[in-house]
């Protein structure tokens, strides 16, 4: 589906709403809400396939810049340049205001025991959310046995070595260009 199918302007409103809501929930960064982005754009709105989403995620991660670029590339894919701008502003704006406000108040309570409890409780939540992102992306990328093999090999290399994940992206790109996956 092309970015202008169904009217770019008709999609900017839903894009704005999705990313405004997700921005508020993005505790731990955009990777924590990647499963919900996937659910909204693939399963609910049917703006792209799971494979397309995984490919866009790979491009966003390989591109220099912040992790939130997935919002930008999804916005671009769904609504063109205007969709990219809307998704980026809506993903960054609310969360930036919340972080600014909370960090000022959070600093005032640095010696309170409840603050340490809240911080300790947030860590497993964020790790779980990011783990679910990885699962969804792997599921979308592994369309056949070769894709599953690439996903498993990449995960094993990242887990057992100190190799930069970009090497796995480069290797997968070579396999893709060669027609292996």
C-alpha atoms as a PDB file:
ATOM      1  CA  UNK A   1       0.000   0.000   0.000  1.00  0.00           C
ATOM      2  CA  UNK A   2       1.487   3.345  -0.959  1.00  0.00           C
ATOM      3  CA  UNK A   3       1.790   6.222   1.466  1.00  0.00           C
ATOM      4  CA  UNK A   4      -0.916   8.165  -0.379  1.00  0.00           C
ATOM      5  CA  UNK A   5      -3.441   5.331  -0.695  1.00  0.00           C
ATOM      6  CA  UNK A   6      -6.548   6.292   1.219  1.00  0.00           C
ATOM      7  CA  UNK A   7      -5.400   9.906   1.389  1.00  0.00           C
ATOM      8  CA  UNK A   8      -2.376  11.086   3.341  1.00  0.00           C
ATOM      9  CA  UNK A   9      -4.406  13.791   5.032  1.00  0.00           C
ATOM     10  CA  UNK A  10      -6.976  11.241   6.166  1.00  0.00           C
ATOM     11  CA  UNK A  11      -4.258   9.293   7.969  1.00  0.00           C
ATOM     12  CA  UNK A  12      -2.489  12.122   9.806  1.00  0.00           C
ATOM     13  CA  UNK A  13      -5.260  12.359  12.411  1.00  0.00           C
ATOM     14  CA  UNK A  14      -5.085   8.663  13.358  1.00  0.00           C
ATOM     15  CA  UNK A  15      -1.266   8.810  13.265  1.00  0.00           C
ATOM     16  CA  UNK A  16      -1.301  11.802  15.622  1.00  0.00           C
ATOM     17  CA  UNK A  17      -3.687  10.114  18.039  1.00  0.00           C
ATOM     18  CA  UNK A  18      -1.734   6.845  18.088  1.00  0.00           C
ATOM     19  CA  UNK A  19       1.625   8.473  18.731  1.00  0.00           C
ATOM     20  CA  UNK A  20       0.275  10.979  21.270  1.00  0.00           C
ATOM     21  CA  UNK A  21      -1.096   8.106  23.341  1.00  0.00           C
ATOM     22  CA  UNK A  22       2.016   5.987  22.899  1.00  0.00           C
ATOM     23  CA  UNK A  23       4.245   8.893  23.883  1.00  0.00           C
ATOM     24  CA  UNK A  24       2.634   9.006  27.307  1.00  0.00           C
ATOM     25  CA  UNK A  25       3.203   5.256  27.748  1.00  0.00           C
ATOM     26  CA  UNK A  26       6.795   5.186  26.462  1.00  0.00           C
ATOM     27  CA  UNK A  27       8.421   4.481  29.815  1.00  0.00           C
ATOM     28  CA  UNK A  28      11.882   3.227  28.912  1.00  0.00           C
ATOM     29  CA  UNK A  29      11.841   4.769  25.462  1.00  0.00           C
ATOM     30  CA  UNK A  30      10.064   3.988  22.228  1.00  0.00           C
ATOM     31  CA  UNK A  31      11.319   0.392  22.205  1.00  0.00           C
ATOM     32  CA  UNK A  32       9.062  -0.260  25.194  1.00  0.00           C
ATOM     33  CA  UNK A  33       5.978   0.625  23.130  1.00  0.00           C
ATOM     34  CA  UNK A  34       7.116  -0.966  19.879  1.00  0.00           C
ATOM     35  CA  UNK A  35       4.703  -3.907  20.387  1.00  0.00           C
ATOM     36  CA  UNK A  36       1.809  -1.466  20.630  1.00  0.00           C
ATOM     37  CA  UNK A  37       3.004   0.483  17.583  1.00  0.00           C
ATOM     38  CA  UNK A  38       3.140  -2.860  15.758  1.00  0.00           C
ATOM     39  CA  UNK A  39      -0.327  -3.832  16.970  1.00  0.00           C
ATOM     40  CA  UNK A  40      -1.837  -0.538  15.896  1.00  0.00           C
ATOM     41  CA  UNK A  41      -0.286  -0.241  12.452  1.00  0.00           C
ATOM     42  CA  UNK A  42      -0.261  -3.944  11.502  1.00  0.00           C
ATOM     43  CA  UNK A  43      -3.137  -5.652  13.292  1.00  0.00           C
ATOM     44  CA  UNK A  44      -5.639  -2.854  13.962  1.00  0.00           C
ATOM     45  CA  UNK A  45      -5.243  -0.372  11.096  1.00  0.00           C
ATOM     46  CA  UNK A  46      -3.689  -2.782   8.543  1.00  0.00           C
ATOM     47  CA  UNK A  47      -1.416  -0.030   7.234  1.00  0.00           C
ATOM     48  CA  UNK A  48       1.423  -2.517   6.649  1.00  0.00           C
ATOM     49  CA  UNK A  49       2.399  -6.153   7.135  1.00  0.00           C
ATOM     50  CA  UNK A  50       4.406  -7.508  10.054  1.00  0.00           C
ATOM     51  CA  UNK A  51       7.337  -8.038   7.712  1.00  0.00           C
ATOM     52  CA  UNK A  52       7.182  -4.429   6.487  1.00  0.00           C
ATOM     53  CA  UNK A  53       7.113  -3.247  10.096  1.00  0.00           C
ATOM     54  CA  UNK A  54      10.178  -5.359  10.952  1.00  0.00           C
ATOM     55  CA  UNK A  55      12.001  -3.977   7.920  1.00  0.00           C
ATOM     56  CA  UNK A  56      11.165  -0.393   8.908  1.00  0.00           C
ATOM     57  CA  UNK A  57      12.330  -1.094  12.449  1.00  0.00           C
ATOM     58  CA  UNK A  58      15.648  -2.410  11.119  1.00  0.00           C
ATOM     59  CA  UNK A  59      16.095   0.695   8.975  1.00  0.00           C
ATOM     60  CA  UNK A  60      15.254   2.960  11.938  1.00  0.00           C
ATOM     61  CA  UNK A  61      17.748   1.171  14.187  1.00  0.00           C
ATOM     62  CA  UNK A  62      20.518   1.189  11.585  1.00  0.00           C
ATOM     63  CA  UNK A  63      20.073   4.902  10.962  1.00  0.00           C
ATOM     64  CA  UNK A  64      22.146   7.209  13.145  1.00  0.00           C
ATOM     65  CA  UNK A  65      19.976   9.048  15.621  1.00  0.00           C
ATOM     66  CA  UNK A  66      17.612   8.362  18.473  1.00  0.00           C
ATOM     67  CA  UNK A  67      15.643   5.126  18.912  1.00  0.00           C
ATOM     68  CA  UNK A  68      12.403   6.987  18.340  1.00  0.00           C
ATOM     69  CA  UNK A  69      13.065   7.041  14.597  1.00  0.00           C
ATOM     70  CA  UNK A  70      10.708   4.057  14.308  1.00  0.00           C
ATOM     71  CA  UNK A  71       7.874   6.535  14.884  1.00  0.00           C
ATOM     72  CA  UNK A  72       9.205   8.729  12.092  1.00  0.00           C
ATOM     73  CA  UNK A  73       9.586   5.930   9.542  1.00  0.00           C
ATOM     74  CA  UNK A  74       6.190   4.425  10.411  1.00  0.00           C
ATOM     75  CA  UNK A  75       4.637   7.886  10.044  1.00  0.00           C
ATOM     76  CA  UNK A  76       6.405   8.321   6.706  1.00  0.00           C
ATOM     77  CA  UNK A  77       5.299   4.903   5.446  1.00  0.00           C
ATOM     78  CA  UNK A  78       1.684   5.516   6.452  1.00  0.00           C
ATOM     79  CA  UNK A  79       1.300   9.234   5.734  1.00  0.00           C
ATOM     80  CA  UNK A  80       4.259  10.445   3.689  1.00  0.00           C
ATOM     81  CA  UNK A  81       6.362  13.398   4.799  1.00  0.00           C
ATOM     82  CA  UNK A  82       3.469  14.956   6.713  1.00  0.00           C
ATOM     83  CA  UNK A  83       2.875  11.637   8.503  1.00  0.00           C
ATOM     84  CA  UNK A  84       6.562  11.475   9.459  1.00  0.00           C
ATOM     85  CA  UNK A  85       6.483  14.986  10.928  1.00  0.00           C
ATOM     86  CA  UNK A  86       3.212  14.350  12.778  1.00  0.00           C
ATOM     87  CA  UNK A  87       4.388  11.007  14.204  1.00  0.00           C
ATOM     88  CA  UNK A  88       7.726  12.474  15.322  1.00  0.00           C
ATOM     89  CA  UNK A  89       6.214  15.527  17.020  1.00  0.00           C
ATOM     90  CA  UNK A  90       3.472  13.484  18.656  1.00  0.00           C
ATOM     91  CA  UNK A  91       5.937  10.828  19.885  1.00  0.00           C
ATOM     92  CA  UNK A  92       8.429  13.333  21.292  1.00  0.00           C
ATOM     93  CA  UNK A  93       6.261  16.186  22.535  1.00  0.00           C
ATOM     94  CA  UNK A  94       4.176  14.730  25.377  1.00  0.00           C
ATOM     95  CA  UNK A  95       6.902  12.427  26.708  1.00  0.00           C
ATOM     96  CA  UNK A  96       9.413  15.295  26.729  1.00  0.00           C
ATOM     97  CA  UNK A  97       7.038  17.474  28.733  1.00  0.00           C
ATOM     98  CA  UNK A  98       6.326  14.640  31.161  1.00  0.00           C
ATOM     99  CA  UNK A  99      10.022  13.858  31.639  1.00  0.00           C
ATOM    100  CA  UNK A 100      10.835  17.520  32.203  1.00  0.00           C
ATOM    101  CA  UNK A 101       8.073  17.922  34.794  1.00  0.00           C
ATOM    102  CA  UNK A 102       8.656  14.621  36.589  1.00  0.00           C
ATOM    103  CA  UNK A 103      12.442  15.006  36.697  1.00  0.00           C
ATOM    104  CA  UNK A 104      12.122  18.330  38.472  1.00  0.00           C
ATOM    105  CA  UNK A 105       9.797  16.821  41.080  1.00  0.00           C
ATOM    106  CA  UNK A 106      11.724  13.521  41.225  1.00  0.00           C
ATOM    107  CA  UNK A 107      14.910  15.305  42.230  1.00  0.00           C
ATOM    108  CA  UNK A 108      13.169  16.833  45.254  1.00  0.00           C
ATOM    109  CA  UNK A 109      12.343  13.354  46.575  1.00  0.00           C
ATOM    110  CA  UNK A 110      15.777  11.786  46.068  1.00  0.00           C
ATOM    111  CA  UNK A 111      16.131  10.812  49.738  1.00  0.00           C
ATOM    112  CA  UNK A 112      12.681   9.261  50.122  1.00  0.00           C
ATOM    113  CA  UNK A 113      12.523   5.473  50.526  1.00  0.00           C
ATOM    114  CA  UNK A 114       9.483   5.141  48.252  1.00  0.00           C
ATOM    115  CA  UNK A 115      11.502   6.593  45.375  1.00  0.00           C
ATOM    116  CA  UNK A 116      13.928   3.656  45.485  1.00  0.00           C
ATOM    117  CA  UNK A 117      11.002   1.214  45.542  1.00  0.00           C
ATOM    118  CA  UNK A 118       9.411   2.857  42.503  1.00  0.00           C
ATOM    119  CA  UNK A 119      12.708   2.802  40.602  1.00  0.00           C
ATOM    120  CA  UNK A 120      13.307  -0.849  41.462  1.00  0.00           C
ATOM    121  CA  UNK A 121       9.798  -1.730  40.295  1.00  0.00           C
ATOM    122  CA  UNK A 122      10.123   0.097  36.987  1.00  0.00           C
ATOM    123  CA  UNK A 123      13.221  -1.792  35.819  1.00  0.00           C
ATOM    124  CA  UNK A 124      11.529  -5.194  35.318  1.00  0.00           C
ATOM    125  CA  UNK A 125       8.538  -3.550  33.643  1.00  0.00           C
ATOM    126  CA  UNK A 126      10.767  -1.780  31.114  1.00  0.00           C
ATOM    127  CA  UNK A 127      12.817  -4.939  30.468  1.00  0.00           C
ATOM    128  CA  UNK A 128       9.609  -6.905  29.893  1.00  0.00           C
ATOM    129  CA  UNK A 129       8.238  -4.321  27.482  1.00  0.00           C
ATOM    130  CA  UNK A 130      11.480  -4.215  25.508  1.00  0.00           C
ATOM    131  CA  UNK A 131      11.633  -8.035  25.502  1.00  0.00           C
ATOM    132  CA  UNK A 132       8.141  -8.203  24.033  1.00  0.00           C
ATOM    133  CA  UNK A 133       9.290  -5.756  21.337  1.00  0.00           C
ATOM    134  CA  UNK A 134      12.091  -8.117  20.386  1.00  0.00           C
ATOM    135  CA  UNK A 135       9.697 -11.058  20.217  1.00  0.00           C
ATOM    136  CA  UNK A 136       7.258  -9.242  17.927  1.00  0.00           C
ATOM    137  CA  UNK A 137       9.996  -8.036  15.612  1.00  0.00           C
ATOM    138  CA  UNK A 138      11.578 -11.485  15.413  1.00  0.00           C
ATOM    139  CA  UNK A 139       8.177 -13.012  14.656  1.00  0.00           C
ATOM    140  CA  UNK A 140       7.588 -10.514  11.845  1.00  0.00           C
ATOM    141  CA  UNK A 141      11.056 -10.998  10.377  1.00  0.00           C
ATOM    142  CA  UNK A 142      11.059 -14.799  10.444  1.00  0.00           C
ATOM    143  CA  UNK A 143       8.693 -15.560   7.562  1.00  0.00           C
ATOM    144  CA  UNK A 144      10.270 -18.955   6.771  1.00  0.00           C
ATOM    145  CA  UNK A 145      12.963 -21.295   8.106  1.00  0.00           C
ATOM    146  CA  UNK A 146      15.776 -19.140   6.696  1.00  0.00           C
ATOM    147  CA  UNK A 147      14.426 -16.068   8.471  1.00  0.00           C
ATOM    148  CA  UNK A 148      14.127 -18.056  11.705  1.00  0.00           C
ATOM    149  CA  UNK A 149      17.735 -19.189  11.294  1.00  0.00           C
ATOM    150  CA  UNK A 150      18.940 -15.590  10.772  1.00  0.00           C
ATOM    151  CA  UNK A 151      16.958 -14.385  13.809  1.00  0.00           C
ATOM    152  CA  UNK A 152      18.288 -17.180  16.045  1.00  0.00           C
ATOM    153  CA  UNK A 153      21.883 -16.781  14.852  1.00  0.00           C
ATOM    154  CA  UNK A 154      21.733 -13.012  15.358  1.00  0.00           C
ATOM    155  CA  UNK A 155      20.247 -13.374  18.834  1.00  0.00           C
ATOM    156  CA  UNK A 156      22.903 -15.935  19.803  1.00  0.00           C
ATOM    157  CA  UNK A 157      25.736 -13.732  18.525  1.00  0.00           C
ATOM    158  CA  UNK A 158      24.442 -10.683  20.351  1.00  0.00           C
ATOM    159  CA  UNK A 159      23.940 -12.685  23.539  1.00  0.00           C
ATOM    160  CA  UNK A 160      27.309 -14.484  23.507  1.00  0.00           C
ATOM    161  CA  UNK A 161      29.641 -11.879  21.995  1.00  0.00           C
ATOM    162  CA  UNK A 162      30.331  -8.191  22.223  1.00  0.00           C
ATOM    163  CA  UNK A 163      29.760  -7.658  18.508  1.00  0.00           C
ATOM    164  CA  UNK A 164      27.925  -4.519  17.543  1.00  0.00           C
ATOM    165  CA  UNK A 165      24.377  -5.440  16.406  1.00  0.00           C
ATOM    166  CA  UNK A 166      25.001  -3.484  13.196  1.00  0.00           C
ATOM    167  CA  UNK A 167      27.204  -6.401  12.073  1.00  0.00           C
ATOM    168  CA  UNK A 168      24.155  -8.648  12.264  1.00  0.00           C
ATOM    169  CA  UNK A 169      22.177  -6.112  10.224  1.00  0.00           C
ATOM    170  CA  UNK A 170      24.959  -5.968   7.648  1.00  0.00           C
ATOM    171  CA  UNK A 171      25.130  -9.777   7.471  1.00  0.00           C
ATOM    172  CA  UNK A 172      21.356 -10.028   7.062  1.00  0.00           C
ATOM    173  CA  UNK A 173      21.485  -7.361   4.347  1.00  0.00           C
ATOM    174  CA  UNK A 174      24.128  -9.374   2.463  1.00  0.00           C
ATOM    175  CA  UNK A 175      21.969 -12.503   2.787  1.00  0.00           C
ATOM    176  CA  UNK A 176      18.972 -10.525   1.517  1.00  0.00           C
ATOM    177  CA  UNK A 177      20.823  -9.094  -1.477  1.00  0.00           C
ATOM    178  CA  UNK A 178      22.157 -12.572  -2.263  1.00  0.00           C
ATOM    179  CA  UNK A 179      18.578 -13.875  -2.244  1.00  0.00           C
ATOM    180  CA  UNK A 180      19.148 -16.263   0.655  1.00  0.00           C
ATOM    181  CA  UNK A 181      16.422 -14.663   2.811  1.00  0.00           C
END
